[in-house]
């Protein structure tokens, strides 16, 4: 999220936020200084087994993005997983729930014309 939320990171490599088609942090850390205006589409994933503070953080961040006018924020909760198992289970391939959500998100982004 920091890379996409703060253009200074990209500018150091002569890139702009427009170079990022989308962001899909999985069970991430969302308390960042910026509210994400100008961010690309965002898919926020967490698990029902994540710590309550981590789940609240995702919800708060999604609400802040929407309140700031971000129009493409998707929230998805992976059931039956924890902060760690969400990563290890992704090895099961594209039929696995987390991988499937990320691939569906990417396909939507790359099928649509870029209007940023």
N, C-alpha and C. Protein backbone atom coordinates (compact mmCIF):
# COMPACT_ATOMS: atom_id res chain seq x y z
N UNK A 1 0.82 -1.18 0.00
CA UNK A 1 0.00 0.00 0.00
C UNK A 1 0.87 1.25 0.00
N UNK A 2 1.98 1.23 0.72
CA UNK A 2 2.81 2.43 0.79
C UNK A 2 3.33 2.83 -0.58
N UNK A 3 3.72 1.86 -1.37
CA UNK A 3 4.22 2.16 -2.70
C UNK A 3 3.16 2.87 -3.54
N UNK A 4 1.96 2.38 -3.49
CA UNK A 4 0.89 2.98 -4.29
C UNK A 4 0.34 4.27 -3.68
N UNK A 5 0.42 4.41 -2.36
CA UNK A 5 -0.16 5.56 -1.68
C UNK A 5 0.76 6.77 -1.64
N UNK A 6 2.04 6.57 -1.86
CA UNK A 6 2.99 7.67 -1.76
C UNK A 6 3.82 7.75 -3.04
N UNK A 7 3.49 8.69 -3.91
CA UNK A 7 4.18 8.77 -5.21
C UNK A 7 5.67 9.02 -5.12
N UNK A 8 6.18 9.43 -3.97
CA UNK A 8 7.62 9.64 -3.83
C UNK A 8 8.40 8.36 -4.07
N UNK A 9 7.85 7.21 -3.66
CA UNK A 9 8.52 5.92 -3.87
C UNK A 9 8.65 5.62 -5.35
N UNK A 10 7.60 5.90 -6.08
CA UNK A 10 7.61 5.65 -7.52
C UNK A 10 8.49 6.66 -8.25
N UNK A 11 8.42 7.92 -7.83
CA UNK A 11 9.20 8.97 -8.49
C UNK A 11 10.69 8.67 -8.44
N UNK A 12 11.13 8.01 -7.40
CA UNK A 12 12.55 7.66 -7.29
C UNK A 12 12.99 6.74 -8.43
N UNK A 13 12.03 6.09 -9.08
CA UNK A 13 12.31 5.19 -10.20
C UNK A 13 11.73 5.72 -11.51
N UNK A 14 11.42 7.04 -11.50
CA UNK A 14 10.86 7.72 -12.67
C UNK A 14 9.53 7.11 -13.13
N UNK A 15 8.71 6.74 -12.15
CA UNK A 15 7.38 6.20 -12.41
C UNK A 15 6.35 7.09 -11.73
N UNK A 16 5.11 6.97 -12.15
CA UNK A 16 4.02 7.69 -11.49
C UNK A 16 3.01 6.67 -10.98
N UNK A 17 2.08 7.10 -10.13
CA UNK A 17 1.04 6.17 -9.66
C UNK A 17 0.27 5.52 -10.80
N UNK A 18 0.22 6.16 -11.95
CA UNK A 18 -0.49 5.58 -13.10
C UNK A 18 0.16 4.30 -13.59
N UNK A 19 1.41 4.05 -13.18
CA UNK A 19 2.12 2.83 -13.60
C UNK A 19 1.57 1.59 -12.88
N UNK A 20 0.78 1.79 -11.83
CA UNK A 20 0.23 0.68 -11.05
C UNK A 20 -1.22 0.48 -11.46
N UNK A 21 -1.54 -0.71 -11.95
CA UNK A 21 -2.90 -0.99 -12.41
C UNK A 21 -3.85 -1.25 -11.26
N UNK A 22 -3.36 -1.82 -10.16
CA UNK A 22 -4.21 -2.14 -9.02
C UNK A 22 -3.37 -2.59 -7.85
N UNK A 23 -3.98 -2.60 -6.68
CA UNK A 23 -3.30 -2.99 -5.45
C UNK A 23 -4.17 -4.03 -4.75
N UNK A 24 -3.55 -5.14 -4.31
CA UNK A 24 -4.31 -6.20 -3.63
C UNK A 24 -3.53 -6.70 -2.41
N UNK A 25 -3.45 -5.88 -1.36
CA UNK A 25 -2.77 -6.36 -0.15
C UNK A 25 -3.59 -7.46 0.53
N UNK A 26 -2.91 -8.48 1.00
CA UNK A 26 -3.56 -9.60 1.67
C UNK A 26 -3.22 -9.53 3.15
N UNK A 27 -4.25 -9.35 3.98
CA UNK A 27 -4.06 -9.28 5.42
C UNK A 27 -2.97 -8.27 5.74
N UNK A 28 -3.10 -7.09 5.13
CA UNK A 28 -2.05 -6.08 5.18
C UNK A 28 -2.12 -5.16 6.37
N UNK A 29 -1.22 -4.20 6.34
CA UNK A 29 -1.13 -3.15 7.34
C UNK A 29 -1.54 -1.86 6.65
N UNK A 30 -2.66 -1.27 7.05
CA UNK A 30 -3.27 -0.20 6.29
C UNK A 30 -3.17 1.18 6.91
N UNK A 31 -2.65 1.31 8.10
CA UNK A 31 -2.58 2.64 8.71
C UNK A 31 -1.42 3.40 8.09
N UNK A 32 -1.72 4.11 7.05
CA UNK A 32 -0.72 4.92 6.35
C UNK A 32 -1.15 6.38 6.44
N UNK A 33 -0.23 7.27 6.20
CA UNK A 33 -0.50 8.70 6.33
C UNK A 33 -1.47 9.24 5.30
N UNK A 34 -1.53 8.61 4.17
CA UNK A 34 -2.35 9.13 3.07
C UNK A 34 -3.64 8.32 2.96
N UNK A 35 -4.68 9.00 2.49
CA UNK A 35 -5.97 8.32 2.37
C UNK A 35 -6.16 7.68 1.00
N UNK A 36 -5.21 7.81 0.11
CA UNK A 36 -5.30 7.06 -1.13
C UNK A 36 -5.99 7.75 -2.28
N UNK A 37 -6.16 9.05 -2.22
CA UNK A 37 -6.72 9.74 -3.37
C UNK A 37 -5.73 9.56 -4.52
N UNK A 38 -6.23 9.14 -5.65
CA UNK A 38 -5.36 8.90 -6.79
C UNK A 38 -4.80 7.49 -6.83
N UNK A 39 -5.17 6.67 -5.86
CA UNK A 39 -4.73 5.28 -5.88
C UNK A 39 -5.40 4.54 -7.04
N UNK A 40 -4.76 3.50 -7.53
CA UNK A 40 -5.43 2.66 -8.51
C UNK A 40 -6.52 1.84 -7.80
N UNK A 41 -7.27 1.04 -8.53
CA UNK A 41 -8.25 0.16 -7.87
C UNK A 41 -7.60 -0.66 -6.77
N UNK A 42 -8.38 -0.88 -5.69
CA UNK A 42 -7.86 -1.56 -4.51
C UNK A 42 -8.75 -2.75 -4.16
N UNK A 43 -8.12 -3.89 -3.94
CA UNK A 43 -8.78 -5.07 -3.39
C UNK A 43 -8.16 -5.32 -2.03
N UNK A 44 -8.94 -5.17 -0.96
CA UNK A 44 -8.46 -5.37 0.40
C UNK A 44 -8.94 -6.73 0.89
N UNK A 45 -8.01 -7.62 1.16
CA UNK A 45 -8.34 -8.96 1.63
C UNK A 45 -7.86 -9.15 3.07
N UNK A 46 -8.68 -9.78 3.87
CA UNK A 46 -8.24 -10.23 5.18
C UNK A 46 -8.95 -11.55 5.47
N UNK A 47 -8.76 -12.08 6.67
CA UNK A 47 -9.36 -13.37 7.01
C UNK A 47 -10.22 -13.25 8.26
N UNK A 48 -11.12 -14.19 8.42
CA UNK A 48 -11.93 -14.18 9.64
C UNK A 48 -11.10 -14.61 10.85
N UNK A 49 -9.92 -15.15 10.61
CA UNK A 49 -9.02 -15.53 11.70
C UNK A 49 -7.96 -14.49 12.02
N UNK A 50 -7.96 -13.36 11.29
CA UNK A 50 -7.04 -12.28 11.61
C UNK A 50 -7.39 -11.69 12.97
N UNK A 51 -6.39 -11.10 13.59
CA UNK A 51 -6.63 -10.43 14.87
C UNK A 51 -7.67 -9.33 14.67
N UNK A 52 -8.50 -9.07 15.70
CA UNK A 52 -9.54 -8.04 15.56
C UNK A 52 -8.99 -6.67 15.13
N UNK A 53 -7.83 -6.28 15.64
CA UNK A 53 -7.27 -4.98 15.26
C UNK A 53 -6.95 -4.94 13.77
N UNK A 54 -6.50 -6.06 13.22
CA UNK A 54 -6.15 -6.11 11.80
C UNK A 54 -7.43 -6.02 10.94
N UNK A 55 -8.49 -6.72 11.37
CA UNK A 55 -9.75 -6.66 10.63
C UNK A 55 -10.34 -5.24 10.68
N UNK A 56 -10.25 -4.61 11.85
CA UNK A 56 -10.78 -3.24 12.01
C UNK A 56 -9.99 -2.28 11.12
N UNK A 57 -8.70 -2.48 11.06
CA UNK A 57 -7.84 -1.63 10.26
C UNK A 57 -8.25 -1.66 8.78
N UNK A 58 -8.53 -2.86 8.28
CA UNK A 58 -8.96 -2.98 6.88
C UNK A 58 -10.28 -2.25 6.66
N UNK A 59 -11.22 -2.44 7.57
CA UNK A 59 -12.52 -1.78 7.45
C UNK A 59 -12.37 -0.26 7.51
N UNK A 60 -11.58 0.22 8.46
CA UNK A 60 -11.35 1.67 8.59
C UNK A 60 -10.70 2.23 7.33
N UNK A 61 -9.73 1.51 6.78
CA UNK A 61 -9.04 2.00 5.59
C UNK A 61 -9.98 2.05 4.39
N UNK A 62 -10.80 1.01 4.23
CA UNK A 62 -11.77 1.00 3.13
C UNK A 62 -12.74 2.18 3.27
N UNK A 63 -13.21 2.43 4.49
CA UNK A 63 -14.12 3.55 4.72
C UNK A 63 -13.44 4.88 4.43
N UNK A 64 -12.17 5.02 4.83
CA UNK A 64 -11.44 6.26 4.59
C UNK A 64 -11.23 6.48 3.09
N UNK A 65 -10.92 5.42 2.37
CA UNK A 65 -10.75 5.55 0.92
C UNK A 65 -12.04 6.02 0.27
N UNK A 66 -13.14 5.40 0.64
CA UNK A 66 -14.43 5.77 0.05
C UNK A 66 -14.82 7.19 0.43
N UNK A 67 -14.59 7.57 1.69
CA UNK A 67 -14.91 8.93 2.13
C UNK A 67 -14.07 9.96 1.38
N UNK A 68 -12.86 9.58 0.98
CA UNK A 68 -11.98 10.48 0.24
C UNK A 68 -12.33 10.52 -1.25
N UNK A 69 -13.32 9.72 -1.65
CA UNK A 69 -13.76 9.75 -3.03
C UNK A 69 -13.21 8.65 -3.92
N UNK A 70 -12.51 7.69 -3.34
CA UNK A 70 -11.99 6.58 -4.15
C UNK A 70 -13.17 5.73 -4.60
N UNK A 71 -13.27 5.49 -5.89
CA UNK A 71 -14.46 4.83 -6.44
C UNK A 71 -14.31 3.33 -6.66
N UNK A 72 -13.10 2.79 -6.52
CA UNK A 72 -12.92 1.36 -6.82
C UNK A 72 -12.21 0.67 -5.66
N UNK A 73 -12.97 0.41 -4.61
CA UNK A 73 -12.46 -0.28 -3.42
C UNK A 73 -13.30 -1.53 -3.22
N UNK A 74 -12.67 -2.68 -3.27
CA UNK A 74 -13.35 -3.95 -3.04
C UNK A 74 -12.79 -4.56 -1.76
N UNK A 75 -13.68 -5.05 -0.91
CA UNK A 75 -13.28 -5.67 0.35
C UNK A 75 -13.71 -7.13 0.30
N UNK A 76 -12.79 -8.01 0.69
CA UNK A 76 -13.11 -9.44 0.68
C UNK A 76 -12.53 -10.11 1.92
N UNK A 77 -13.35 -10.91 2.59
CA UNK A 77 -12.90 -11.65 3.77
C UNK A 77 -12.81 -13.13 3.42
N UNK A 78 -11.63 -13.71 3.60
CA UNK A 78 -11.40 -15.13 3.35
C UNK A 78 -11.79 -15.88 4.61
N UNK A 79 -12.71 -16.80 4.48
CA UNK A 79 -13.22 -17.56 5.64
C UNK A 79 -12.32 -18.76 5.96
N UNK A 80 -12.23 -19.08 7.24
CA UNK A 80 -11.52 -20.27 7.67
C UNK A 80 -10.00 -20.17 7.59
N UNK A 81 -9.48 -18.96 7.56
CA UNK A 81 -8.04 -18.76 7.47
C UNK A 81 -7.57 -17.82 8.57
N UNK A 82 -6.27 -17.82 8.78
CA UNK A 82 -5.63 -16.90 9.71
C UNK A 82 -4.68 -16.00 8.92
N UNK A 83 -4.04 -15.10 9.65
CA UNK A 83 -3.08 -14.20 9.00
C UNK A 83 -1.97 -14.98 8.30
N UNK A 84 -1.57 -16.09 8.84
CA UNK A 84 -0.50 -16.88 8.22
C UNK A 84 -1.03 -17.90 7.21
N UNK A 85 -2.11 -18.59 7.54
CA UNK A 85 -2.59 -19.64 6.64
C UNK A 85 -3.13 -19.08 5.33
N UNK A 86 -3.53 -17.82 5.31
CA UNK A 86 -3.99 -17.24 4.05
C UNK A 86 -2.87 -17.25 3.03
N UNK A 87 -1.63 -17.12 3.48
CA UNK A 87 -0.48 -17.14 2.58
C UNK A 87 -0.11 -18.56 2.17
N UNK A 88 -0.05 -19.47 3.14
CA UNK A 88 0.39 -20.83 2.81
C UNK A 88 -0.63 -21.55 1.94
N UNK A 89 -1.91 -21.26 2.11
CA UNK A 89 -2.95 -21.92 1.31
C UNK A 89 -3.00 -21.40 -0.12
N UNK A 90 -2.44 -20.23 -0.37
CA UNK A 90 -2.44 -19.70 -1.73
C UNK A 90 -1.64 -20.58 -2.68
N UNK A 91 -0.79 -21.43 -2.15
CA UNK A 91 0.00 -22.35 -2.97
C UNK A 91 -0.87 -23.39 -3.68
N UNK A 92 -2.13 -23.48 -3.28
CA UNK A 92 -3.02 -24.49 -3.88
C UNK A 92 -3.48 -24.12 -5.29
N UNK A 93 -3.08 -22.98 -5.79
CA UNK A 93 -3.38 -22.62 -7.17
C UNK A 93 -4.56 -21.69 -7.33
N UNK A 94 -4.94 -21.48 -8.58
CA UNK A 94 -5.94 -20.47 -8.87
C UNK A 94 -7.35 -20.85 -8.41
N UNK A 95 -7.59 -22.10 -8.05
CA UNK A 95 -8.90 -22.47 -7.52
C UNK A 95 -9.01 -22.20 -6.03
N UNK A 96 -7.90 -21.89 -5.40
CA UNK A 96 -7.90 -21.52 -3.98
C UNK A 96 -8.56 -20.15 -3.84
N UNK A 97 -9.29 -19.93 -2.76
CA UNK A 97 -10.14 -18.74 -2.62
C UNK A 97 -9.38 -17.41 -2.72
N UNK A 98 -8.27 -17.27 -2.01
CA UNK A 98 -7.53 -16.01 -2.04
C UNK A 98 -6.95 -15.76 -3.42
N UNK A 99 -6.29 -16.77 -3.97
CA UNK A 99 -5.72 -16.65 -5.31
C UNK A 99 -6.79 -16.33 -6.33
N UNK A 100 -7.93 -16.98 -6.21
CA UNK A 100 -9.03 -16.77 -7.13
C UNK A 100 -9.52 -15.32 -7.09
N UNK A 101 -9.63 -14.75 -5.89
CA UNK A 101 -10.08 -13.36 -5.76
C UNK A 101 -9.07 -12.39 -6.40
N UNK A 102 -7.79 -12.64 -6.19
CA UNK A 102 -6.76 -11.77 -6.76
C UNK A 102 -6.76 -11.89 -8.28
N UNK A 103 -6.87 -13.10 -8.79
CA UNK A 103 -6.90 -13.28 -10.24
C UNK A 103 -8.13 -12.65 -10.87
N UNK A 104 -9.29 -12.79 -10.23
CA UNK A 104 -10.51 -12.16 -10.72
C UNK A 104 -10.36 -10.64 -10.76
N UNK A 105 -9.75 -10.08 -9.72
CA UNK A 105 -9.49 -8.64 -9.64
C UNK A 105 -8.57 -8.21 -10.78
N UNK A 106 -7.48 -8.94 -10.98
CA UNK A 106 -6.52 -8.61 -12.04
C UNK A 106 -7.17 -8.72 -13.43
N UNK A 107 -7.95 -9.76 -13.64
CA UNK A 107 -8.61 -9.92 -14.95
C UNK A 107 -9.57 -8.76 -15.22
N UNK A 108 -10.29 -8.33 -14.18
CA UNK A 108 -11.19 -7.18 -14.34
C UNK A 108 -10.40 -5.93 -14.71
N UNK A 109 -9.28 -5.72 -14.04
CA UNK A 109 -8.49 -4.52 -14.30
C UNK A 109 -7.91 -4.52 -15.71
N UNK A 110 -7.39 -5.65 -16.14
CA UNK A 110 -6.73 -5.69 -17.44
C UNK A 110 -7.70 -5.84 -18.60
N UNK A 111 -8.96 -6.16 -18.29
CA UNK A 111 -9.97 -6.24 -19.34
C UNK A 111 -10.59 -4.86 -19.58
N UNK A 112 -10.51 -3.99 -18.58
CA UNK A 112 -11.12 -2.66 -18.69
C UNK A 112 -10.12 -1.66 -19.25
N UNK A 113 -10.62 -0.68 -19.99
CA UNK A 113 -9.71 0.38 -20.46
C UNK A 113 -9.24 1.22 -19.28
N UNK A 114 -8.02 1.68 -19.34
CA UNK A 114 -7.46 2.51 -18.27
C UNK A 114 -7.94 3.94 -18.49
N UNK A 115 -8.66 4.49 -17.49
CA UNK A 115 -9.22 5.82 -17.61
C UNK A 115 -8.68 6.77 -16.56
N UNK A 116 -7.47 6.53 -16.07
CA UNK A 116 -6.94 7.41 -15.03
C UNK A 116 -6.18 8.55 -15.62
